[in-house]
Amino acid sequence: MPTRETRRADRGEQAIEAALQPGRFVSYATEPAAKALAETHPDVAAKVYRALGVRLVKEKKSRYYEAALSHLEEARRCYERAGLGTQWEDLVRAVRAEHRRKVGFMAGFDELVTGARARAKPSFLERAKARWARPPGG
């Protein structure tokens, strides 16, 4: 009988397979899986985040670049947590080779690689909640 850890790893592998299937990808289902796996299986979560980020870059739409960078940033954290720095470096080389002409993306990616990338700006909802928390007229 499989243990809970084995089932989690299996779900992670299934999420990776789903992420890599063109046309069958479901982002809203894969992101929570990656987040859940990040604590217990950072190596699996890194692969999921990598697949999420690379898929968005391959869409060739600049409006997706910020989300792609966010996923790749999570992948980097997971790779580091799992002690898989060489796999992160391999990913960096592959992304630079394949997407070097995407200037808008590469600027943010280079910041991410060097560690200079600031967190993404707050979402509209986060800004609205902060505004609502202030007293009226303040």
C-alpha atoms as a PDB file:
ATOM      1  CA  MET A   1       0.000   0.000   0.000  1.00  0.00           C
ATOM      2  CA  PRO A   2       1.498   3.360  -0.999  1.00  0.00           C
ATOM      3  CA  THR A   3       2.367   5.818   1.737  1.00  0.00           C
ATOM      4  CA  ARG A   4       1.140   9.383   1.838  1.00  0.00           C
ATOM      5  CA  GLU A   5       4.570  10.587   0.736  1.00  0.00           C
ATOM      6  CA  THR A   6       4.504   8.244  -2.258  1.00  0.00           C
ATOM      7  CA  ARG A   7       1.048   9.443  -3.262  1.00  0.00           C
ATOM      8  CA  ARG A   8       2.206  13.070  -3.058  1.00  0.00           C
ATOM      9  CA  ALA A   9       5.203  12.313  -5.234  1.00  0.00           C
ATOM     10  CA  ASP A  10       2.948  10.513  -7.717  1.00  0.00           C
ATOM     11  CA  ARG A  11       0.628  13.527  -7.846  1.00  0.00           C
ATOM     12  CA  GLY A  12       3.653  15.721  -8.434  1.00  0.00           C
ATOM     13  CA  GLU A  13       4.811  13.569 -11.307  1.00  0.00           C
ATOM     14  CA  GLN A  14       1.295  13.652 -12.776  1.00  0.00           C
ATOM     15  CA  ALA A  15       1.273  17.444 -12.486  1.00  0.00           C
ATOM     16  CA  ILE A  16       4.580  17.593 -14.330  1.00  0.00           C
ATOM     17  CA  GLU A  17       3.228  15.395 -17.100  1.00  0.00           C
ATOM     18  CA  ALA A  18       0.123  17.597 -17.370  1.00  0.00           C
ATOM     19  CA  ALA A  19       2.277  20.724 -17.479  1.00  0.00           C
ATOM     20  CA  LEU A  20       4.353  19.355 -20.308  1.00  0.00           C
ATOM     21  CA  GLN A  21       1.396  18.318 -22.472  1.00  0.00           C
ATOM     22  CA  PRO A  22       0.748  21.035 -25.067  1.00  0.00           C
ATOM     23  CA  GLY A  23      -2.894  21.990 -25.297  1.00  0.00           C
ATOM     24  CA  ARG A  24      -3.876  19.939 -22.234  1.00  0.00           C
ATOM     25  CA  PHE A  25      -2.266  22.157 -19.632  1.00  0.00           C
ATOM     26  CA  VAL A  26      -4.380  23.438 -16.747  1.00  0.00           C
ATOM     27  CA  SER A  27      -2.539  26.166 -14.879  1.00  0.00           C
ATOM     28  CA  TYR A  28      -5.084  26.625 -12.109  1.00  0.00           C
ATOM     29  CA  ALA A  29      -4.735  22.962 -11.151  1.00  0.00           C
ATOM     30  CA  THR A  30      -0.971  22.716 -11.487  1.00  0.00           C
ATOM     31  CA  GLU A  31       0.014  25.786  -9.456  1.00  0.00           C
ATOM     32  CA  PRO A  32      -1.620  24.573  -6.225  1.00  0.00           C
ATOM     33  CA  ALA A  33       0.024  21.184  -6.712  1.00  0.00           C
ATOM     34  CA  ALA A  34       3.432  22.830  -7.037  1.00  0.00           C
ATOM     35  CA  LYS A  35       2.816  24.974  -3.972  1.00  0.00           C
ATOM     36  CA  ALA A  36       1.812  21.926  -1.924  1.00  0.00           C
ATOM     37  CA  LEU A  37       4.841  19.962  -3.090  1.00  0.00           C
ATOM     38  CA  ALA A  38       7.295  22.800  -2.416  1.00  0.00           C
ATOM     39  CA  GLU A  39       7.509  21.990   1.298  1.00  0.00           C
ATOM     40  CA  THR A  40       7.863  18.221   1.175  1.00  0.00           C
ATOM     41  CA  HIS A  41       9.229  17.574  -2.320  1.00  0.00           C
ATOM     42  CA  PRO A  42      11.058  20.698  -3.518  1.00  0.00           C
ATOM     43  CA  ASP A  43      12.712  18.744  -6.333  1.00  0.00           C
ATOM     44  CA  VAL A  44       9.336  17.794  -7.814  1.00  0.00           C
ATOM     45  CA  ALA A  45       7.915  21.278  -7.228  1.00  0.00           C
ATOM     46  CA  ALA A  46      10.911  22.782  -9.038  1.00  0.00           C
ATOM     47  CA  LYS A  47      10.122  20.710 -12.118  1.00  0.00           C
ATOM     48  CA  VAL A  48       6.489  21.808 -12.038  1.00  0.00           C
ATOM     49  CA  TYR A  49       7.375  25.493 -11.644  1.00  0.00           C
ATOM     50  CA  ARG A  50       9.978  25.143 -14.400  1.00  0.00           C
ATOM     51  CA  ALA A  51       7.361  23.661 -16.730  1.00  0.00           C
ATOM     52  CA  LEU A  52       4.889  26.429 -15.862  1.00  0.00           C
ATOM     53  CA  GLY A  53       7.436  29.173 -16.511  1.00  0.00           C
ATOM     54  CA  VAL A  54       8.927  27.764 -19.696  1.00  0.00           C
ATOM     55  CA  ARG A  55       5.474  27.106 -21.119  1.00  0.00           C
ATOM     56  CA  LEU A  56       4.494  30.762 -20.644  1.00  0.00           C
ATOM     57  CA  VAL A  57       7.691  32.010 -22.275  1.00  0.00           C
ATOM     58  CA  LYS A  58       7.069  29.744 -25.256  1.00  0.00           C
ATOM     59  CA  GLU A  59       3.652  31.378 -25.724  1.00  0.00           C
ATOM     60  CA  LYS A  60       5.566  34.360 -27.174  1.00  0.00           C
ATOM     61  CA  LYS A  61       3.268  36.898 -25.509  1.00  0.00           C
ATOM     62  CA  SER A  62       4.931  39.606 -23.490  1.00  0.00           C
ATOM     63  CA  ARG A  63       1.940  39.961 -21.173  1.00  0.00           C
ATOM     64  CA  TYR A  64       2.783  36.487 -19.774  1.00  0.00           C
ATOM     65  CA  TYR A  65       6.444  37.247 -19.061  1.00  0.00           C
ATOM     66  CA  GLU A  66       5.881  38.483 -15.483  1.00  0.00           C
ATOM     67  CA  ALA A  67       3.986  35.306 -14.598  1.00  0.00           C
ATOM     68  CA  ALA A  68       6.701  33.216 -16.257  1.00  0.00           C
ATOM     69  CA  LEU A  69       9.376  34.988 -14.223  1.00  0.00           C
ATOM     70  CA  SER A  70       7.384  34.409 -11.053  1.00  0.00           C
ATOM     71  CA  HIS A  71       7.189  30.671 -11.763  1.00  0.00           C
ATOM     72  CA  LEU A  72      10.884  30.506 -12.612  1.00  0.00           C
ATOM     73  CA  GLU A  73      11.693  32.347  -9.388  1.00  0.00           C
ATOM     74  CA  GLU A  74       9.775  29.695  -7.445  1.00  0.00           C
ATOM     75  CA  ALA A  75      11.610  27.006  -9.418  1.00  0.00           C
ATOM     76  CA  ARG A  76      14.915  28.567  -8.404  1.00  0.00           C
ATOM     77  CA  ARG A  77      13.938  28.556  -4.729  1.00  0.00           C
ATOM     78  CA  CYS A  78      12.849  24.922  -4.931  1.00  0.00           C
ATOM     79  CA  TYR A  79      16.029  23.873  -6.737  1.00  0.00           C
ATOM     80  CA  GLU A  80      18.099  25.596  -4.041  1.00  0.00           C
ATOM     81  CA  ARG A  81      16.050  24.047  -1.231  1.00  0.00           C
ATOM     82  CA  ALA A  82      16.502  20.596  -2.778  1.00  0.00           C
ATOM     83  CA  GLY A  83      20.240  21.122  -3.270  1.00  0.00           C
ATOM     84  CA  LEU A  84      19.920  20.930  -7.061  1.00  0.00           C
ATOM     85  CA  GLY A  85      21.859  24.031  -8.041  1.00  0.00           C
ATOM     86  CA  THR A  86      23.309  22.353 -11.121  1.00  0.00           C
ATOM     87  CA  GLN A  87      19.830  21.704 -12.515  1.00  0.00           C
ATOM     88  CA  TRP A  88      18.981  25.390 -12.017  1.00  0.00           C
ATOM     89  CA  GLU A  89      22.162  26.341 -13.879  1.00  0.00           C
ATOM     90  CA  ASP A  90      21.228  23.951 -16.699  1.00  0.00           C
ATOM     91  CA  LEU A  91      17.807  25.592 -16.909  1.00  0.00           C
ATOM     92  CA  VAL A  92      19.396  29.052 -17.024  1.00  0.00           C
ATOM     93  CA  ARG A  93      21.643  28.010 -19.908  1.00  0.00           C
ATOM     94  CA  ALA A  94      18.741  26.433 -21.798  1.00  0.00           C
ATOM     95  CA  VAL A  95      16.473  29.467 -21.363  1.00  0.00           C
ATOM     96  CA  ARG A  96      19.217  31.869 -22.410  1.00  0.00           C
ATOM     97  CA  ALA A  97      19.990  29.806 -25.504  1.00  0.00           C
ATOM     98  CA  GLU A  98      16.397  29.305 -26.578  1.00  0.00           C
ATOM     99  CA  HIS A  99      14.892  32.704 -25.729  1.00  0.00           C
ATOM    100  CA  ARG A 100      17.828  35.109 -26.115  1.00  0.00           C
ATOM    101  CA  ARG A 101      15.943  37.248 -28.641  1.00  0.00           C
ATOM    102  CA  LYS A 102      13.032  37.959 -26.272  1.00  0.00           C
ATOM    103  CA  VAL A 103      14.530  41.161 -24.921  1.00  0.00           C
ATOM    104  CA  GLY A 104      11.598  42.024 -22.655  1.00  0.00           C
ATOM    105  CA  PHE A 105      11.752  38.651 -20.966  1.00  0.00           C
ATOM    106  CA  MET A 106      15.528  38.335 -20.815  1.00  0.00           C
ATOM    107  CA  ALA A 107      15.942  41.596 -18.874  1.00  0.00           C
ATOM    108  CA  GLY A 108      13.786  40.247 -16.049  1.00  0.00           C
ATOM    109  CA  PHE A 109      15.304  36.783 -16.326  1.00  0.00           C
ATOM    110  CA  ASP A 110      18.835  38.164 -15.957  1.00  0.00           C
ATOM    111  CA  GLU A 111      17.718  40.033 -12.820  1.00  0.00           C
ATOM    112  CA  LEU A 112      16.255  36.804 -11.480  1.00  0.00           C
ATOM    113  CA  VAL A 113      19.456  34.877 -12.154  1.00  0.00           C
ATOM    114  CA  THR A 114      21.664  37.499 -10.492  1.00  0.00           C
ATOM    115  CA  GLY A 115      19.292  37.818  -7.541  1.00  0.00           C
ATOM    116  CA  ALA A 116      18.477  41.462  -8.236  1.00  0.00           C
ATOM    117  CA  ARG A 117      14.850  40.813  -9.161  1.00  0.00           C
ATOM    118  CA  ALA A 118      12.373  42.499  -6.870  1.00  0.00           C
ATOM    119  CA  ARG A 119       9.140  40.704  -6.129  1.00  0.00           C
ATOM    120  CA  ALA A 120       6.345  41.357  -8.590  1.00  0.00           C
ATOM    121  CA  LYS A 121       4.306  44.450  -7.904  1.00  0.00           C
ATOM    122  CA  PRO A 122       1.189  43.837  -5.804  1.00  0.00           C
ATOM    123  CA  SER A 123      -1.943  42.735  -7.607  1.00  0.00           C
ATOM    124  CA  PHE A 124      -4.982  44.988  -7.920  1.00  0.00           C
ATOM    125  CA  LEU A 125      -6.698  43.052  -5.134  1.00  0.00           C
ATOM    126  CA  GLU A 126      -3.711  43.442  -2.800  1.00  0.00           C
ATOM    127  CA  ARG A 127      -3.559  47.184  -3.491  1.00  0.00           C
ATOM    128  CA  ALA A 128      -7.313  47.531  -2.939  1.00  0.00           C
ATOM    129  CA  LYS A 129      -7.174  45.652   0.384  1.00  0.00           C
ATOM    130  CA  ALA A 130      -4.347  47.902   1.558  1.00  0.00           C
ATOM    131  CA  ARG A 131      -6.360  50.960   0.557  1.00  0.00           C
ATOM    132  CA  TRP A 132      -9.479  49.691   2.336  1.00  0.00           C
ATOM    133  CA  ALA A 133      -7.482  49.054   5.501  1.00  0.00           C
ATOM    134  CA  ARG A 134      -6.658  52.761   5.773  1.00  0.00           C
ATOM    135  CA  PRO A 135      -9.083  55.026   7.637  1.00  0.00           C
ATOM    136  CA  PRO A 136     -11.317  57.217   5.442  1.00  0.00           C
ATOM    137  CA  GLY A 137      -9.703  60.488   4.439  1.00  0.00           C
ATOM    138  CA  GLY A 138      -6.273  59.197   5.459  1.00  0.00           C
END
